[in-house]
Amino acid sequence: MKKITLLLFLAVGSFASAQSLDTLKLDTTNEQRLEDLKVKADAERQQLEAQKEAEKVAKAQQKQAEKELKLKERQQKEAEKAAK
């Protein structure tokens, strides 16, 4: 009877230990997934910021090009007036 009780106790202890290991593995997996999501979110945020900065630079360059075009048109009109 004592042997059966001891074996039963060992089996229950072994099962509990296995459950604990599974829980630890699951916690580790969840932590890794969370870390992966954080890394992905940071990368997406940086990409979005870079895209916004690129759009800002492109818009500034377009404005500068429009100013230069207007200046050239005005200079051309002044040159035409002076030629008359």
C-alpha atoms as a PDB file:
ATOM      1  CA  MET A   1       0.000   0.000   0.000  1.00  0.00           C
ATOM      2  CA  LYS A   2       2.835   2.362   0.845  1.00  0.00           C
ATOM      3  CA  LYS A   3       4.453   1.668  -2.527  1.00  0.00           C
ATOM      4  CA  ILE A   4       1.248   2.505  -4.378  1.00  0.00           C
ATOM      5  CA  THR A   5       0.858   5.703  -2.374  1.00  0.00           C
ATOM      6  CA  LEU A   6       4.479   6.627  -3.049  1.00  0.00           C
ATOM      7  CA  LEU A   7       4.116   5.907  -6.777  1.00  0.00           C
ATOM      8  CA  LEU A   8       0.893   7.875  -6.906  1.00  0.00           C
ATOM      9  CA  PHE A   9       2.567  10.760  -5.089  1.00  0.00           C
ATOM     10  CA  LEU A  10       5.508  10.675  -7.529  1.00  0.00           C
ATOM     11  CA  ALA A  11       3.163  10.557 -10.512  1.00  0.00           C
ATOM     12  CA  VAL A  12       1.179  13.538  -9.242  1.00  0.00           C
ATOM     13  CA  GLY A  13       4.407  15.416  -8.480  1.00  0.00           C
ATOM     14  CA  SER A  14       5.758  14.613 -11.920  1.00  0.00           C
ATOM     15  CA  PHE A  15       2.533  15.791 -13.551  1.00  0.00           C
ATOM     16  CA  ALA A  16       2.585  19.024 -11.534  1.00  0.00           C
ATOM     17  CA  SER A  17       6.210  19.569 -12.471  1.00  0.00           C
ATOM     18  CA  ALA A  18       5.415  19.021 -16.153  1.00  0.00           C
ATOM     19  CA  GLN A  19       2.531  21.487 -15.902  1.00  0.00           C
ATOM     20  CA  SER A  20       4.865  24.037 -14.301  1.00  0.00           C
ATOM     21  CA  LEU A  21       7.368  23.590 -17.110  1.00  0.00           C
ATOM     22  CA  ASP A  22       4.627  23.998 -19.706  1.00  0.00           C
ATOM     23  CA  THR A  23       3.485  27.171 -17.964  1.00  0.00           C
ATOM     24  CA  LEU A  24       7.044  28.520 -17.910  1.00  0.00           C
ATOM     25  CA  LYS A  25       7.452  27.696 -21.596  1.00  0.00           C
ATOM     26  CA  LEU A  26       4.159  29.420 -22.356  1.00  0.00           C
ATOM     27  CA  ASP A  27       5.194  32.486 -20.343  1.00  0.00           C
ATOM     28  CA  THR A  28       8.513  32.600 -22.194  1.00  0.00           C
ATOM     29  CA  THR A  29       6.740  32.246 -25.526  1.00  0.00           C
ATOM     30  CA  ASN A  30       4.311  35.020 -24.632  1.00  0.00           C
ATOM     31  CA  GLU A  31       7.165  37.270 -23.515  1.00  0.00           C
ATOM     32  CA  GLN A  32       8.979  36.601 -26.792  1.00  0.00           C
ATOM     33  CA  ARG A  33       5.831  37.382 -28.782  1.00  0.00           C
ATOM     34  CA  LEU A  34       5.359  40.588 -26.812  1.00  0.00           C
ATOM     35  CA  GLU A  35       8.968  41.590 -27.440  1.00  0.00           C
ATOM     36  CA  ASP A  36       8.576  40.783 -31.150  1.00  0.00           C
ATOM     37  CA  LEU A  37       5.447  42.942 -31.300  1.00  0.00           C
ATOM     38  CA  LYS A  38       7.271  45.804 -29.583  1.00  0.00           C
ATOM     39  CA  VAL A  39      10.142  45.561 -32.055  1.00  0.00           C
ATOM     40  CA  LYS A  40       7.715  45.453 -34.980  1.00  0.00           C
ATOM     41  CA  ALA A  41       5.763  48.447 -33.644  1.00  0.00           C
ATOM     42  CA  ASP A  42       8.980  50.433 -33.174  1.00  0.00           C
ATOM     43  CA  ALA A  43      10.097  49.605 -36.707  1.00  0.00           C
ATOM     44  CA  GLU A  44       6.724  50.637 -38.135  1.00  0.00           C
ATOM     45  CA  ARG A  45       6.803  53.874 -36.111  1.00  0.00           C
ATOM     46  CA  GLN A  46      10.295  54.701 -37.367  1.00  0.00           C
ATOM     47  CA  GLN A  47       9.255  53.914 -40.929  1.00  0.00           C
ATOM     48  CA  LEU A  48       6.208  56.158 -40.597  1.00  0.00           C
ATOM     49  CA  GLU A  49       8.320  58.982 -39.176  1.00  0.00           C
ATOM     50  CA  ALA A  50      10.813  58.599 -42.025  1.00  0.00           C
ATOM     51  CA  GLN A  51       7.972  58.642 -44.544  1.00  0.00           C
ATOM     52  CA  LYS A  52       6.504  61.800 -42.994  1.00  0.00           C
ATOM     53  CA  GLU A  53       9.927  63.467 -43.041  1.00  0.00           C
ATOM     54  CA  ALA A  54      10.416  62.483 -46.688  1.00  0.00           C
ATOM     55  CA  GLU A  55       7.001  63.946 -47.562  1.00  0.00           C
ATOM     56  CA  LYS A  56       7.898  67.135 -45.697  1.00  0.00           C
ATOM     57  CA  VAL A  57      11.198  67.445 -47.583  1.00  0.00           C
ATOM     58  CA  ALA A  58       9.497  66.748 -50.929  1.00  0.00           C
ATOM     59  CA  LYS A  59       6.874  69.400 -50.197  1.00  0.00           C
ATOM     60  CA  ALA A  60       9.565  71.945 -49.296  1.00  0.00           C
ATOM     61  CA  GLN A  61      11.474  71.122 -52.480  1.00  0.00           C
ATOM     62  CA  GLN A  62       8.308  71.519 -54.534  1.00  0.00           C
ATOM     63  CA  LYS A  63       7.629  74.922 -52.961  1.00  0.00           C
ATOM     64  CA  GLN A  64      11.195  75.999 -53.684  1.00  0.00           C
ATOM     65  CA  ALA A  65      10.891  74.847 -57.298  1.00  0.00           C
ATOM     66  CA  GLU A  66       7.613  76.781 -57.674  1.00  0.00           C
ATOM     67  CA  LYS A  67       9.254  79.929 -56.267  1.00  0.00           C
ATOM     68  CA  GLU A  68      12.158  79.579 -58.672  1.00  0.00           C
ATOM     69  CA  LEU A  69       9.765  79.098 -61.599  1.00  0.00           C
ATOM     70  CA  LYS A  70       7.784  82.205 -60.633  1.00  0.00           C
ATOM     71  CA  LEU A  71      11.017  84.177 -60.321  1.00  0.00           C
ATOM     72  CA  LYS A  72      12.152  83.050 -63.780  1.00  0.00           C
ATOM     73  CA  GLU A  73       8.752  83.941 -65.261  1.00  0.00           C
ATOM     74  CA  ARG A  74       8.877  87.372 -63.651  1.00  0.00           C
ATOM     75  CA  GLN A  75      12.440  87.951 -64.871  1.00  0.00           C
ATOM     76  CA  GLN A  76      11.410  86.886 -68.365  1.00  0.00           C
ATOM     77  CA  LYS A  77       8.457  89.314 -68.346  1.00  0.00           C
ATOM     78  CA  GLU A  78      10.718  92.117 -67.130  1.00  0.00           C
ATOM     79  CA  ALA A  79      13.224  91.294 -69.857  1.00  0.00           C
ATOM     80  CA  GLU A  80      10.451  91.370 -72.471  1.00  0.00           C
ATOM     81  CA  LYS A  81       9.248  94.763 -71.169  1.00  0.00           C
ATOM     82  CA  ALA A  82      12.779  96.136 -71.252  1.00  0.00           C
ATOM     83  CA  ALA A  83      13.238  94.883 -74.826  1.00  0.00           C
ATOM     84  CA  LYS A  84      10.161  96.796 -76.048  1.00  0.00           C
END
